[in-house]
N, C-alpha and C. Protein backbone atom coordinates (compact mmCIF):
# COMPACT_ATOMS: atom_id res chain seq x y z
N UNK A 1 15.30 -16.23 3.40
CA UNK A 1 15.05 -15.71 2.05
C UNK A 1 15.40 -14.23 2.02
N UNK A 2 15.92 -13.76 0.88
CA UNK A 2 16.34 -12.36 0.79
C UNK A 2 15.13 -11.43 0.84
N UNK A 3 15.42 -10.17 1.18
CA UNK A 3 14.36 -9.18 1.37
C UNK A 3 13.52 -9.05 0.11
N UNK A 4 12.22 -8.90 0.31
CA UNK A 4 11.31 -8.75 -0.83
C UNK A 4 10.19 -7.79 -0.46
N UNK A 5 9.51 -7.29 -1.49
CA UNK A 5 8.48 -6.26 -1.31
C UNK A 5 7.25 -6.63 -2.14
N UNK A 6 6.09 -6.49 -1.54
CA UNK A 6 4.82 -6.63 -2.26
C UNK A 6 4.13 -5.28 -2.20
N UNK A 7 3.96 -4.65 -3.37
CA UNK A 7 3.30 -3.33 -3.44
C UNK A 7 1.83 -3.54 -3.75
N UNK A 8 0.97 -2.91 -2.96
CA UNK A 8 -0.48 -3.11 -3.05
C UNK A 8 -1.12 -1.76 -3.40
N UNK A 9 -1.59 -1.65 -4.65
CA UNK A 9 -2.14 -0.37 -5.10
C UNK A 9 -3.54 -0.14 -4.52
N UNK A 10 -4.05 1.06 -4.74
CA UNK A 10 -5.31 1.47 -4.15
C UNK A 10 -6.52 1.27 -5.04
N UNK A 11 -7.63 1.86 -4.62
CA UNK A 11 -8.93 1.76 -5.28
C UNK A 11 -8.86 2.38 -6.68
N UNK A 12 -9.31 1.63 -7.68
CA UNK A 12 -9.30 2.09 -9.08
C UNK A 12 -7.91 2.52 -9.54
N UNK A 13 -6.89 1.91 -8.95
CA UNK A 13 -5.51 2.19 -9.36
C UNK A 13 -4.95 0.96 -10.06
N UNK A 14 -3.63 0.93 -10.27
CA UNK A 14 -3.01 -0.13 -11.07
C UNK A 14 -1.50 -0.08 -10.90
N UNK A 15 -0.80 -1.11 -11.42
CA UNK A 15 0.67 -1.07 -11.37
C UNK A 15 1.28 0.10 -12.15
N UNK A 16 0.47 0.77 -12.97
CA UNK A 16 0.96 1.93 -13.72
C UNK A 16 0.91 3.22 -12.91
N UNK A 17 0.48 3.14 -11.64
CA UNK A 17 0.41 4.34 -10.82
C UNK A 17 1.82 4.90 -10.58
N UNK A 18 1.87 6.17 -10.22
CA UNK A 18 3.15 6.87 -10.12
C UNK A 18 4.08 6.21 -9.09
N UNK A 19 3.57 5.97 -7.88
CA UNK A 19 4.42 5.38 -6.84
C UNK A 19 4.89 3.98 -7.23
N UNK A 20 3.98 3.18 -7.78
CA UNK A 20 4.36 1.83 -8.19
C UNK A 20 5.47 1.88 -9.24
N UNK A 21 5.33 2.77 -10.20
CA UNK A 21 6.35 2.89 -11.26
C UNK A 21 7.69 3.33 -10.68
N UNK A 22 7.67 4.24 -9.71
CA UNK A 22 8.92 4.68 -9.09
C UNK A 22 9.60 3.52 -8.35
N UNK A 23 8.83 2.75 -7.62
CA UNK A 23 9.39 1.63 -6.87
C UNK A 23 9.92 0.55 -7.83
N UNK A 24 9.17 0.27 -8.89
CA UNK A 24 9.62 -0.71 -9.90
C UNK A 24 10.95 -0.27 -10.50
N UNK A 25 11.05 1.02 -10.85
CA UNK A 25 12.27 1.54 -11.48
C UNK A 25 13.47 1.42 -10.54
N UNK A 26 13.27 1.73 -9.27
CA UNK A 26 14.37 1.64 -8.30
C UNK A 26 14.81 0.19 -8.12
N UNK A 27 13.86 -0.71 -7.98
CA UNK A 27 14.21 -2.13 -7.79
C UNK A 27 14.91 -2.69 -9.03
N UNK A 28 14.51 -2.25 -10.21
CA UNK A 28 15.20 -2.68 -11.43
C UNK A 28 16.63 -2.16 -11.44
N UNK A 29 16.82 -0.90 -11.06
CA UNK A 29 18.15 -0.29 -11.04
C UNK A 29 19.06 -1.03 -10.05
N UNK A 30 18.48 -1.52 -8.97
CA UNK A 30 19.26 -2.23 -7.95
C UNK A 30 19.48 -3.70 -8.30
N UNK A 31 18.89 -4.15 -9.42
CA UNK A 31 19.00 -5.56 -9.79
C UNK A 31 18.15 -6.46 -8.92
N UNK A 32 17.09 -5.89 -8.33
CA UNK A 32 16.23 -6.64 -7.41
C UNK A 32 14.80 -6.77 -7.94
N UNK A 33 14.62 -6.65 -9.25
CA UNK A 33 13.28 -6.68 -9.82
C UNK A 33 12.53 -7.97 -9.46
N UNK A 34 13.28 -9.06 -9.31
CA UNK A 34 12.64 -10.34 -9.00
C UNK A 34 12.19 -10.44 -7.55
N UNK A 35 12.57 -9.45 -6.72
CA UNK A 35 12.16 -9.44 -5.31
C UNK A 35 10.98 -8.50 -5.07
N UNK A 36 10.37 -8.03 -6.15
CA UNK A 36 9.23 -7.13 -6.05
C UNK A 36 8.07 -7.68 -6.86
N UNK A 37 6.88 -7.65 -6.28
CA UNK A 37 5.68 -7.93 -7.05
C UNK A 37 4.72 -6.75 -6.88
N UNK A 38 4.10 -6.36 -8.01
CA UNK A 38 3.10 -5.29 -8.03
C UNK A 38 1.90 -5.81 -8.81
N UNK A 39 1.07 -6.64 -8.18
CA UNK A 39 -0.03 -7.24 -8.92
C UNK A 39 -1.10 -6.22 -9.32
N UNK A 40 -1.70 -6.46 -10.49
CA UNK A 40 -2.86 -5.69 -10.92
C UNK A 40 -4.07 -6.32 -10.24
N UNK A 41 -4.58 -5.66 -9.22
CA UNK A 41 -5.58 -6.28 -8.37
C UNK A 41 -6.98 -6.24 -8.98
N UNK A 42 -7.70 -7.33 -8.78
CA UNK A 42 -9.11 -7.37 -9.17
C UNK A 42 -9.88 -6.36 -8.32
N UNK A 43 -10.96 -5.79 -8.89
CA UNK A 43 -11.70 -4.79 -8.14
C UNK A 43 -12.47 -5.37 -6.96
N UNK A 44 -12.75 -6.70 -6.98
CA UNK A 44 -13.48 -7.29 -5.86
C UNK A 44 -12.51 -7.69 -4.76
N UNK A 45 -12.76 -7.27 -3.53
CA UNK A 45 -11.81 -7.54 -2.44
C UNK A 45 -11.46 -9.01 -2.26
N UNK A 46 -12.42 -9.91 -2.39
CA UNK A 46 -12.11 -11.33 -2.16
C UNK A 46 -11.12 -11.84 -3.19
N UNK A 47 -11.29 -11.43 -4.44
CA UNK A 47 -10.34 -11.88 -5.47
C UNK A 47 -9.00 -11.17 -5.32
N UNK A 48 -9.02 -9.91 -4.91
CA UNK A 48 -7.77 -9.18 -4.69
C UNK A 48 -6.96 -9.83 -3.57
N UNK A 49 -7.62 -10.20 -2.48
CA UNK A 49 -6.92 -10.84 -1.36
C UNK A 49 -6.34 -12.18 -1.79
N UNK A 50 -7.06 -12.93 -2.61
CA UNK A 50 -6.54 -14.21 -3.11
C UNK A 50 -5.28 -13.98 -3.93
N UNK A 51 -5.28 -12.93 -4.77
CA UNK A 51 -4.08 -12.60 -5.54
C UNK A 51 -2.91 -12.27 -4.62
N UNK A 52 -3.19 -11.50 -3.59
CA UNK A 52 -2.14 -11.06 -2.68
C UNK A 52 -1.60 -12.22 -1.85
N UNK A 53 -2.47 -13.14 -1.47
CA UNK A 53 -2.01 -14.33 -0.75
C UNK A 53 -1.03 -15.13 -1.62
N UNK A 54 -1.33 -15.25 -2.90
CA UNK A 54 -0.43 -15.96 -3.82
C UNK A 54 0.92 -15.25 -3.93
N UNK A 55 0.87 -13.92 -3.99
CA UNK A 55 2.12 -13.15 -4.10
C UNK A 55 2.97 -13.29 -2.84
N UNK A 56 2.32 -13.30 -1.67
CA UNK A 56 3.04 -13.48 -0.41
C UNK A 56 3.73 -14.84 -0.40
N UNK A 57 3.01 -15.84 -0.86
CA UNK A 57 3.59 -17.19 -0.90
C UNK A 57 4.80 -17.24 -1.81
N UNK A 58 4.72 -16.56 -2.95
CA UNK A 58 5.82 -16.57 -3.92
C UNK A 58 7.04 -15.81 -3.42
N UNK A 59 6.81 -14.74 -2.65
CA UNK A 59 7.92 -13.88 -2.21
C UNK A 59 8.53 -14.31 -0.89
N UNK A 60 7.85 -15.17 -0.16
CA UNK A 60 8.37 -15.56 1.15
C UNK A 60 7.70 -14.74 2.23
N UNK A 61 8.47 -13.84 2.84
CA UNK A 61 7.90 -12.95 3.86
C UNK A 61 8.19 -11.51 3.46
N UNK A 62 7.44 -11.01 2.49
CA UNK A 62 7.75 -9.68 1.97
C UNK A 62 7.32 -8.56 2.92
N UNK A 63 7.91 -7.38 2.74
CA UNK A 63 7.37 -6.16 3.29
C UNK A 63 6.14 -5.81 2.45
N UNK A 64 5.01 -5.59 3.11
CA UNK A 64 3.80 -5.17 2.41
C UNK A 64 3.79 -3.64 2.35
N UNK A 65 3.72 -3.09 1.16
CA UNK A 65 3.64 -1.64 0.98
C UNK A 65 2.28 -1.35 0.38
N UNK A 66 1.40 -0.72 1.17
CA UNK A 66 0.03 -0.52 0.72
C UNK A 66 -0.34 0.95 0.66
N UNK A 67 -0.91 1.36 -0.47
CA UNK A 67 -1.34 2.74 -0.67
C UNK A 67 -2.86 2.82 -0.64
N UNK A 68 -3.42 3.72 0.16
CA UNK A 68 -4.85 3.98 0.19
C UNK A 68 -5.62 2.70 0.54
N UNK A 69 -6.50 2.22 -0.33
CA UNK A 69 -7.20 0.96 -0.06
C UNK A 69 -6.20 -0.19 0.09
N UNK A 70 -5.08 -0.10 -0.63
CA UNK A 70 -4.02 -1.10 -0.49
C UNK A 70 -3.46 -1.14 0.92
N UNK A 71 -3.51 0.00 1.63
CA UNK A 71 -3.07 0.03 3.01
C UNK A 71 -4.00 -0.76 3.92
N UNK A 72 -5.29 -0.76 3.58
CA UNK A 72 -6.27 -1.56 4.32
C UNK A 72 -6.02 -3.04 4.10
N UNK A 73 -5.81 -3.41 2.83
CA UNK A 73 -5.47 -4.80 2.52
C UNK A 73 -4.18 -5.22 3.23
N UNK A 74 -3.18 -4.34 3.18
CA UNK A 74 -1.88 -4.67 3.78
C UNK A 74 -2.00 -4.87 5.29
N UNK A 75 -2.84 -4.07 5.94
CA UNK A 75 -3.03 -4.20 7.38
C UNK A 75 -3.64 -5.56 7.71
N UNK A 76 -4.66 -5.95 6.97
CA UNK A 76 -5.30 -7.26 7.17
C UNK A 76 -4.28 -8.39 6.99
N UNK A 77 -3.51 -8.32 5.91
CA UNK A 77 -2.57 -9.41 5.60
C UNK A 77 -1.39 -9.43 6.56
N UNK A 78 -0.92 -8.25 6.96
CA UNK A 78 0.19 -8.19 7.91
C UNK A 78 -0.21 -8.81 9.25
N UNK A 79 -1.43 -8.55 9.69
CA UNK A 79 -1.90 -9.12 10.95
C UNK A 79 -2.15 -10.62 10.81
N UNK A 80 -2.62 -11.04 9.66
CA UNK A 80 -2.88 -12.48 9.47
C UNK A 80 -1.59 -13.28 9.43
N UNK A 81 -0.55 -12.71 8.81
CA UNK A 81 0.68 -13.48 8.58
C UNK A 81 1.87 -13.02 9.44
N UNK A 82 1.68 -12.01 10.28
CA UNK A 82 2.79 -11.51 11.09
C UNK A 82 3.87 -10.84 10.27
N UNK A 83 3.45 -10.15 9.20
CA UNK A 83 4.41 -9.48 8.31
C UNK A 83 4.56 -8.01 8.68
N UNK A 84 5.63 -7.40 8.16
CA UNK A 84 5.81 -5.96 8.29
C UNK A 84 5.00 -5.26 7.20
N UNK A 85 4.53 -4.06 7.53
CA UNK A 85 3.75 -3.29 6.54
C UNK A 85 4.12 -1.82 6.61
N UNK A 86 4.24 -1.21 5.43
CA UNK A 86 4.44 0.23 5.31
C UNK A 86 3.22 0.77 4.58
N UNK A 87 2.48 1.63 5.26
CA UNK A 87 1.20 2.10 4.74
C UNK A 87 1.30 3.57 4.34
N UNK A 88 0.84 3.89 3.14
CA UNK A 88 0.94 5.24 2.60
C UNK A 88 -0.46 5.82 2.45
N UNK A 89 -0.77 6.84 3.25
CA UNK A 89 -2.13 7.42 3.26
C UNK A 89 -3.19 6.31 3.22
N UNK A 90 -3.15 5.39 4.21
CA UNK A 90 -4.04 4.22 4.14
C UNK A 90 -5.50 4.56 4.42
N UNK A 91 -6.39 3.80 3.80
CA UNK A 91 -7.82 3.90 4.10
C UNK A 91 -8.10 3.13 5.39
N UNK A 92 -8.90 3.72 6.25
CA UNK A 92 -9.32 3.08 7.50
C UNK A 92 -10.81 2.77 7.37
N UNK A 93 -11.18 1.51 7.61
CA UNK A 93 -12.59 1.09 7.49
C UNK A 93 -13.24 1.61 6.21
N UNK A 94 -12.66 1.28 5.04
CA UNK A 94 -13.16 1.85 3.79
C UNK A 94 -14.62 1.50 3.50
N UNK A 95 -15.09 0.38 4.05
CA UNK A 95 -16.49 0.00 3.83
C UNK A 95 -17.44 1.04 4.40
N UNK A 96 -16.95 1.87 5.31
CA UNK A 96 -17.79 2.94 5.86
C UNK A 96 -17.79 4.19 4.98
N UNK A 97 -16.91 4.20 3.99
CA UNK A 97 -16.71 5.41 3.18
C UNK A 97 -17.40 5.36 1.82
N UNK A 98 -18.00 4.22 1.49
CA UNK A 98 -18.50 4.05 0.12
C UNK A 98 -19.96 4.45 -0.06
N UNK A 99 -20.61 5.02 0.96
CA UNK A 99 -21.96 5.53 0.78
C UNK A 99 -21.95 6.56 -0.35
N UNK A 100 -22.84 6.39 -1.30
CA UNK A 100 -22.89 7.34 -2.41
C UNK A 100 -21.97 6.99 -3.56
N UNK A 101 -21.11 5.97 -3.37
CA UNK A 101 -20.19 5.58 -4.43
C UNK A 101 -20.62 4.31 -5.15
N UNK A 102 -21.68 3.65 -4.66
CA UNK A 102 -22.13 2.43 -5.31
C UNK A 102 -22.54 2.71 -6.75
N UNK A 103 -22.28 1.73 -7.63
CA UNK A 103 -22.63 1.91 -9.04
C UNK A 103 -21.41 1.85 -9.93
N UNK A 104 -21.52 2.38 -11.15
CA UNK A 104 -20.45 2.25 -12.14
C UNK A 104 -19.15 2.93 -11.69
N UNK A 105 -18.04 2.24 -11.94
CA UNK A 105 -16.71 2.75 -11.63
C UNK A 105 -15.81 2.59 -12.85
N UNK A 106 -14.74 3.38 -12.89
CA UNK A 106 -13.75 3.21 -13.96
C UNK A 106 -12.35 3.29 -13.37
N UNK A 107 -11.52 2.29 -13.72
CA UNK A 107 -10.14 2.30 -13.27
C UNK A 107 -9.42 3.48 -13.92
N UNK A 108 -8.70 4.25 -13.09
CA UNK A 108 -8.05 5.47 -13.57
C UNK A 108 -6.94 5.21 -14.57
N UNK A 109 -6.38 3.99 -14.54
CA UNK A 109 -5.21 3.69 -15.36
C UNK A 109 -5.53 2.75 -16.51
N UNK A 110 -6.39 1.77 -16.28
CA UNK A 110 -6.66 0.76 -17.31
C UNK A 110 -7.90 1.08 -18.14
N UNK A 111 -8.75 1.97 -17.61
CA UNK A 111 -9.99 2.27 -18.31
C UNK A 111 -11.08 1.24 -18.09
N UNK A 112 -10.76 0.16 -17.35
CA UNK A 112 -11.76 -0.88 -17.09
C UNK A 112 -12.95 -0.29 -16.35
N UNK A 113 -14.17 -0.67 -16.78
CA UNK A 113 -15.37 -0.25 -16.07
C UNK A 113 -15.95 -1.46 -15.32
N UNK A 114 -16.50 -1.19 -14.16
CA UNK A 114 -17.07 -2.23 -13.33
C UNK A 114 -18.10 -1.62 -12.40
N UNK A 115 -18.83 -2.46 -11.69
CA UNK A 115 -19.92 -2.02 -10.82
C UNK A 115 -19.55 -2.24 -9.35
N UNK A 116 -19.56 -1.17 -8.56
CA UNK A 116 -19.34 -1.28 -7.12
C UNK A 116 -20.67 -1.63 -6.46
N UNK A 117 -20.72 -2.79 -5.80
CA UNK A 117 -21.97 -3.30 -5.26
C UNK A 117 -21.90 -3.43 -3.73
N UNK A 118 -23.05 -3.75 -3.14
CA UNK A 118 -23.08 -3.99 -1.69
C UNK A 118 -22.19 -5.19 -1.33
N UNK A 119 -22.02 -6.13 -2.25
CA UNK A 119 -21.17 -7.28 -1.96
C UNK A 119 -19.70 -6.86 -1.83
N UNK A 120 -19.26 -5.90 -2.64
CA UNK A 120 -17.91 -5.36 -2.47
C UNK A 120 -17.75 -4.79 -1.05
N UNK A 121 -18.74 -4.02 -0.63
CA UNK A 121 -18.66 -3.37 0.67
C UNK A 121 -18.66 -4.40 1.80
N UNK A 122 -19.51 -5.43 1.67
CA UNK A 122 -19.53 -6.51 2.67
C UNK A 122 -18.18 -7.21 2.74
N UNK A 123 -17.59 -7.46 1.56
CA UNK A 123 -16.30 -8.14 1.50
C UNK A 123 -15.21 -7.30 2.16
N UNK A 124 -15.26 -5.99 1.99
CA UNK A 124 -14.30 -5.11 2.66
C UNK A 124 -14.49 -5.17 4.18
N UNK A 125 -15.74 -5.17 4.62
CA UNK A 125 -16.01 -5.21 6.07
C UNK A 125 -15.46 -6.49 6.70
N UNK A 126 -15.47 -7.59 5.93
CA UNK A 126 -14.96 -8.86 6.44
C UNK A 126 -13.46 -8.83 6.71
N UNK A 127 -12.75 -7.87 6.12
CA UNK A 127 -11.29 -7.79 6.28
C UNK A 127 -10.87 -6.92 7.45
N UNK A 128 -11.83 -6.36 8.15
CA UNK A 128 -11.53 -5.43 9.24
C UNK A 128 -10.76 -6.13 10.36
N UNK A 129 -9.74 -5.46 10.86
CA UNK A 129 -8.97 -5.97 12.00
C UNK A 129 -8.89 -4.87 13.05
N UNK A 130 -8.54 -5.27 14.27
CA UNK A 130 -8.34 -4.29 15.33
C UNK A 130 -7.12 -3.44 15.01
N UNK A 131 -7.07 -2.27 15.62
CA UNK A 131 -5.94 -1.37 15.39
C UNK A 131 -4.63 -2.05 15.76
N UNK A 132 -3.65 -2.07 14.85
CA UNK A 132 -2.36 -2.72 15.15
C UNK A 132 -1.66 -2.04 16.33
N UNK A 133 -0.94 -2.85 17.09
CA UNK A 133 -0.28 -2.36 18.30
C UNK A 133 1.25 -2.49 18.21
N UNK A 134 1.77 -2.76 17.02
CA UNK A 134 3.19 -3.11 16.88
C UNK A 134 3.95 -2.07 16.07
N UNK A 135 4.64 -1.18 16.76
CA UNK A 135 5.40 -0.13 16.07
C UNK A 135 6.62 -0.68 15.34
N UNK A 136 7.03 -1.89 15.68
CA UNK A 136 8.16 -2.50 14.99
C UNK A 136 7.75 -3.01 13.60
N UNK A 137 6.50 -3.45 13.47
CA UNK A 137 6.04 -4.04 12.21
C UNK A 137 5.31 -3.07 11.30
N UNK A 138 4.82 -1.97 11.85
CA UNK A 138 4.00 -1.05 11.05
C UNK A 138 4.61 0.35 11.00
N UNK A 139 4.88 0.83 9.79
CA UNK A 139 5.17 2.24 9.56
C UNK A 139 4.00 2.82 8.78
N UNK A 140 3.57 4.02 9.15
CA UNK A 140 2.42 4.65 8.51
C UNK A 140 2.84 6.06 8.07
N UNK A 141 2.84 6.27 6.76
CA UNK A 141 3.24 7.56 6.18
C UNK A 141 1.99 8.32 5.78
N UNK A 142 1.81 9.49 6.38
CA UNK A 142 0.63 10.30 6.11
C UNK A 142 1.03 11.70 5.67
N UNK A 143 0.24 12.27 4.77
CA UNK A 143 0.40 13.69 4.42
C UNK A 143 -0.92 14.39 4.75
N UNK A 144 -0.80 15.54 5.42
CA UNK A 144 -1.98 16.16 6.02
C UNK A 144 -2.93 16.77 5.00
N UNK A 145 -2.44 17.06 3.79
CA UNK A 145 -3.31 17.68 2.78
C UNK A 145 -3.90 16.64 1.81
N UNK A 146 -3.92 15.38 2.23
CA UNK A 146 -4.58 14.31 1.46
C UNK A 146 -6.01 14.76 1.15
N UNK A 147 -6.32 14.88 -0.15
CA UNK A 147 -7.62 15.40 -0.55
C UNK A 147 -8.70 14.31 -0.63
N UNK A 148 -8.29 13.05 -0.50
CA UNK A 148 -9.23 11.92 -0.62
C UNK A 148 -9.63 11.36 0.73
N UNK A 149 -8.67 11.20 1.62
CA UNK A 149 -8.91 10.62 2.93
C UNK A 149 -8.46 11.59 4.02
N UNK A 150 -9.20 11.68 5.11
CA UNK A 150 -8.81 12.51 6.25
C UNK A 150 -7.69 11.79 7.00
N UNK A 151 -6.50 12.36 6.96
CA UNK A 151 -5.33 11.69 7.55
C UNK A 151 -5.53 11.42 9.04
N UNK A 152 -6.41 12.19 9.69
CA UNK A 152 -6.59 12.04 11.14
C UNK A 152 -7.24 10.70 11.49
N UNK A 153 -8.00 10.12 10.57
CA UNK A 153 -8.57 8.78 10.82
C UNK A 153 -7.44 7.76 10.96
N UNK A 154 -6.46 7.83 10.05
CA UNK A 154 -5.33 6.91 10.11
C UNK A 154 -4.43 7.22 11.29
N UNK A 155 -4.23 8.51 11.57
CA UNK A 155 -3.40 8.90 12.71
C UNK A 155 -3.95 8.30 14.01
N UNK A 156 -5.28 8.32 14.14
CA UNK A 156 -5.92 7.78 15.34
C UNK A 156 -5.85 6.25 15.35
N UNK A 157 -6.21 5.62 14.22
CA UNK A 157 -6.28 4.16 14.16
C UNK A 157 -4.91 3.52 14.38
N UNK A 158 -3.88 4.13 13.80
CA UNK A 158 -2.52 3.56 13.86
C UNK A 158 -1.65 4.25 14.92
N UNK A 159 -2.30 4.80 15.94
CA UNK A 159 -1.54 5.61 16.90
C UNK A 159 -0.48 4.82 17.65
N UNK A 160 -0.61 3.49 17.74
CA UNK A 160 0.40 2.67 18.43
C UNK A 160 1.55 2.30 17.51
N UNK A 161 1.46 2.68 16.24
CA UNK A 161 2.48 2.30 15.24
C UNK A 161 3.48 3.44 15.04
N UNK A 162 4.45 3.21 14.17
CA UNK A 162 5.44 4.25 13.86
C UNK A 162 4.84 5.19 12.82
N UNK A 163 4.39 6.35 13.28
CA UNK A 163 3.74 7.33 12.39
C UNK A 163 4.77 8.31 11.83
N UNK A 164 4.66 8.59 10.54
CA UNK A 164 5.49 9.62 9.89
C UNK A 164 4.50 10.57 9.22
N UNK A 165 4.27 11.72 9.84
CA UNK A 165 3.25 12.65 9.35
C UNK A 165 3.93 13.90 8.78
N UNK A 166 3.64 14.18 7.51
CA UNK A 166 4.21 15.35 6.83
C UNK A 166 3.10 16.37 6.59
N UNK A 167 3.39 17.63 6.86
CA UNK A 167 2.44 18.69 6.53
C UNK A 167 2.37 18.84 5.01
N UNK A 168 1.15 19.12 4.51
CA UNK A 168 0.97 19.32 3.07
C UNK A 168 0.84 18.02 2.33
N UNK A 169 1.35 18.00 1.09
CA UNK A 169 1.29 16.80 0.27
C UNK A 169 -0.06 16.59 -0.38
N UNK A 170 -0.35 15.35 -0.74
CA UNK A 170 -1.64 15.01 -1.33
C UNK A 170 -1.87 13.50 -1.19
N UNK A 171 -2.98 13.01 -1.74
CA UNK A 171 -3.31 11.59 -1.56
C UNK A 171 -2.28 10.68 -2.24
N UNK A 172 -1.71 11.16 -3.36
CA UNK A 172 -0.71 10.37 -4.07
C UNK A 172 0.63 10.30 -3.35
N UNK A 173 0.83 11.13 -2.36
CA UNK A 173 2.03 11.23 -1.52
C UNK A 173 3.19 11.86 -2.29
N UNK A 174 3.24 13.19 -2.22
CA UNK A 174 4.30 13.96 -2.87
C UNK A 174 5.65 13.63 -2.23
N UNK A 175 6.68 13.47 -3.06
CA UNK A 175 8.03 13.21 -2.55
C UNK A 175 8.29 11.76 -2.22
N UNK A 176 7.47 10.86 -2.77
CA UNK A 176 7.62 9.43 -2.45
C UNK A 176 9.01 8.91 -2.82
N UNK A 177 9.52 9.29 -4.00
CA UNK A 177 10.80 8.75 -4.47
C UNK A 177 11.93 9.06 -3.48
N UNK A 178 11.91 10.28 -2.94
CA UNK A 178 12.97 10.68 -2.00
C UNK A 178 12.88 9.92 -0.68
N UNK A 179 11.72 9.34 -0.40
CA UNK A 179 11.55 8.58 0.84
C UNK A 179 11.85 7.08 0.65
N UNK A 180 12.17 6.68 -0.57
CA UNK A 180 12.37 5.26 -0.84
C UNK A 180 13.53 4.63 -0.06
N UNK A 181 14.61 5.35 0.27
CA UNK A 181 15.63 4.72 1.10
C UNK A 181 15.08 4.18 2.41
N UNK A 182 14.15 4.91 3.03
CA UNK A 182 13.54 4.45 4.29
C UNK A 182 12.71 3.19 4.05
N UNK A 183 12.03 3.14 2.91
CA UNK A 183 11.24 1.95 2.57
C UNK A 183 12.15 0.74 2.36
N UNK A 184 13.23 0.93 1.60
CA UNK A 184 14.15 -0.17 1.31
C UNK A 184 14.80 -0.67 2.61
N UNK A 185 15.14 0.26 3.49
CA UNK A 185 15.74 -0.12 4.76
C UNK A 185 14.75 -0.96 5.58
N UNK A 186 13.48 -0.52 5.62
CA UNK A 186 12.46 -1.24 6.38
C UNK A 186 12.23 -2.64 5.80
N UNK A 187 12.42 -2.77 4.49
CA UNK A 187 12.27 -4.07 3.83
C UNK A 187 13.45 -5.00 4.13
N UNK A 188 14.52 -4.44 4.68
CA UNK A 188 15.69 -5.27 5.00
C UNK A 188 16.75 -5.30 3.92
N UNK A 189 16.67 -4.34 2.98
CA UNK A 189 17.66 -4.25 1.90
C UNK A 189 18.83 -3.41 2.40
N UNK A 190 20.03 -3.92 2.25
CA UNK A 190 21.23 -3.27 2.78
C UNK A 190 21.44 -1.89 2.15
N UNK A 191 21.76 -0.91 3.00
CA UNK A 191 22.00 0.46 2.53
C UNK A 191 23.14 0.52 1.53
N UNK A 192 24.08 -0.42 1.63
CA UNK A 192 25.21 -0.43 0.69
C UNK A 192 24.72 -0.60 -0.75
N UNK A 193 23.57 -1.23 -0.93
CA UNK A 193 23.08 -1.48 -2.28
C UNK A 193 22.53 -0.23 -2.95
N UNK A 194 22.12 0.76 -2.15
CA UNK A 194 21.48 1.94 -2.77
C UNK A 194 22.08 3.27 -2.33
N UNK A 195 23.18 3.24 -1.58
CA UNK A 195 23.70 4.50 -1.01
C UNK A 195 24.17 5.47 -2.08
N UNK A 196 24.54 4.96 -3.28
CA UNK A 196 25.03 5.86 -4.32
C UNK A 196 23.95 6.24 -5.33
N UNK A 197 22.70 5.83 -5.06
CA UNK A 197 21.61 6.07 -6.00
C UNK A 197 21.02 7.46 -5.74
N UNK A 198 20.76 8.20 -6.83
CA UNK A 198 20.09 9.50 -6.72
C UNK A 198 18.58 9.26 -6.88
N UNK A 199 17.89 9.26 -5.77
CA UNK A 199 16.46 8.92 -5.80
C UNK A 199 15.60 10.04 -6.40
N UNK A 200 16.16 11.24 -6.51
CA UNK A 200 15.36 12.35 -7.05
C UNK A 200 15.08 12.19 -8.54
N UNK A 201 15.79 11.28 -9.20
CA UNK A 201 15.59 11.14 -10.67
C UNK A 201 14.44 10.18 -11.00
N UNK A 202 13.88 9.50 -10.01
CA UNK A 202 12.83 8.52 -10.28
C UNK A 202 11.46 9.14 -10.26
């Protein structure tokens, strides 16, 4: 099956996020829109994982691209299915980070309000996997000035993987569009398809 990509957004995010929109625009320009899925994930981890399992089945063996909490989901799914994953400022053990965050939440893009409960946290803990050991299957892109997550947690957890650490940046990952050729290459998309594309315009 031809190369495909499953983009997994983060906590209280959506397909309307900046990185997702950039990736969608590039895949449309390349005529590969049908090889990309960017599901709007349910806020509960069990339902989100069910959505992602369906998307994996539909796409074949996609490259999983996970941002923040999506990086945690991508790690779980990549290990379960033997898939490749590209993680962007991924959350490590997010169930340990939600102390003080329980209660009402609002999606930054859709405006949806919902309640973060202990069951959400338990469901996240159930997805925990051992640190991946495969540098061929995992690329991890970190920016050191991430204001939401301490990049050193991911640097330590994914130390056996292919780490790409940039000084500065932020949690949203500044300069993502210019890095998309590396993502497309990792997904198995031929460089001939995008070598003439100006990625700075996305």
